[in-house]
Protein backbone atom coordinates (compact mmCIF):
# COMPACT_ATOMS: atom_id res chain seq x y z
CA MET A 1 0.20 0.03 0.04
CA ALA A 2 1.69 3.17 -1.14
CA VAL A 3 -0.63 5.47 1.37
CA ASN A 4 0.11 5.15 5.09
CA LYS A 5 -1.05 8.49 6.24
CA ILE A 6 -4.19 10.80 5.37
CA SER A 7 -4.83 14.47 6.08
CA TRP A 8 -8.25 16.13 6.36
CA GLN A 9 -7.77 17.88 2.85
CA GLN A 10 -6.94 14.19 1.37
CA ALA A 11 -10.13 12.98 3.02
CA GLY A 12 -12.06 15.84 1.29
CA HIS A 13 -12.92 17.56 4.46
CA VAL A 14 -15.13 14.99 5.35
CA THR A 15 -17.97 16.49 7.94
CA GLU A 16 -19.84 13.43 9.10
CA PRO A 17 -18.83 10.15 10.61
CA GLY A 18 -19.23 7.24 8.39
CA ARG A 19 -17.42 4.81 5.68
CA TYR A 20 -15.88 6.31 2.79
CA MET A 21 -14.68 4.78 -0.52
CA PHE A 22 -10.81 6.07 -1.60
CA ARG A 23 -8.58 5.09 -4.23
CA PHE A 24 -6.76 2.78 -1.37
CA GLY A 25 -9.84 1.38 -0.36
CA TRP A 26 -12.67 2.00 2.38
CA LEU A 27 -11.99 4.35 5.46
CA THR A 28 -14.13 4.44 8.45
CA VAL A 29 -14.06 8.01 10.15
CA SER A 30 -15.18 8.38 13.75
CA PRO A 31 -16.71 11.16 15.66
CA ASP A 32 -13.44 11.39 17.78
CA ASP A 33 -11.45 11.48 14.42
CA LEU A 34 -13.49 14.48 13.41
CA CYS A 35 -13.17 16.37 16.60
CA VAL A 36 -9.23 15.97 16.03
CA TRP A 37 -9.36 17.40 12.44
CA GLU A 38 -11.96 20.17 13.65
CA LYS A 39 -9.52 21.23 16.30
CA PHE A 40 -6.17 20.41 14.33
CA PRO A 41 -7.18 20.85 10.67
CA ASN A 42 -3.34 19.99 9.69
CA ALA A 43 -3.20 16.79 11.87
CA VAL A 44 -2.33 13.54 9.82
CA PHE A 45 -3.56 10.36 10.89
CA THR A 46 -1.87 6.75 10.18
CA LEU A 47 -4.11 4.41 8.41
CA VAL A 48 -4.59 1.25 9.97
CA LYS A 49 -5.65 -1.81 7.90
CA THR A 50 -9.11 -3.42 9.69
CA ALA A 51 -8.74 -7.22 10.01
CA GLY A 52 -11.91 -8.28 8.10
CA THR A 53 -13.38 -11.56 8.26
CA ASN A 54 -16.08 -10.60 5.37
CA THR A 55 -14.99 -12.12 2.00
CA VAL A 56 -16.92 -9.52 0.07
CA ALA A 57 -15.32 -6.50 1.56
CA ALA A 58 -11.90 -8.32 0.27
CA ASP A 59 -13.52 -8.23 -3.20
CA ILE A 60 -14.17 -4.39 -3.25
CA GLY A 61 -11.00 -3.20 -1.60
CA GLU A 62 -9.29 -3.05 1.84
CA GLU A 63 -10.87 -1.56 5.23
CA PHE A 64 -8.99 1.05 7.12
CA HIS A 65 -9.64 3.07 10.13
CA LEU A 66 -7.82 6.33 11.58
CA GLY A 67 -5.05 5.41 14.08
CA ALA A 68 -2.41 7.58 15.66
CA PHE A 69 -2.13 11.16 14.55
CA GLU A 70 0.70 13.71 14.18
CA LEU A 71 0.39 17.46 14.25
CA ARG A 72 2.09 19.15 11.25
CA LYS A 73 2.86 23.10 11.64
CA ASP A 74 4.42 23.46 8.21
CA ALA A 75 1.24 22.45 6.20
CA PRO A 76 -1.06 25.55 5.34
CA THR A 77 -4.17 25.74 7.33
CA SER A 78 -7.20 24.37 5.66
CA GLU A 79 -10.40 26.03 5.32
CA LYS A 80 -13.49 24.27 6.53
């Protein structure tokens, strides 16, 4: 997998928790993840592959959730 971190900008400034399809697979964004991005718009999360047992999910792409994040001061502030 080439993508291992994702910013709010890369996630399309999602505003609702949920499951979203990206080029690297499915991403589940939690309410807590959104709180971090709202408070720190330049935060970058590590993508964590979800261990799935659903064989259908394997056919449509990998599943990820957001793990640890880091704050980046060098990135320009994103607009909401």
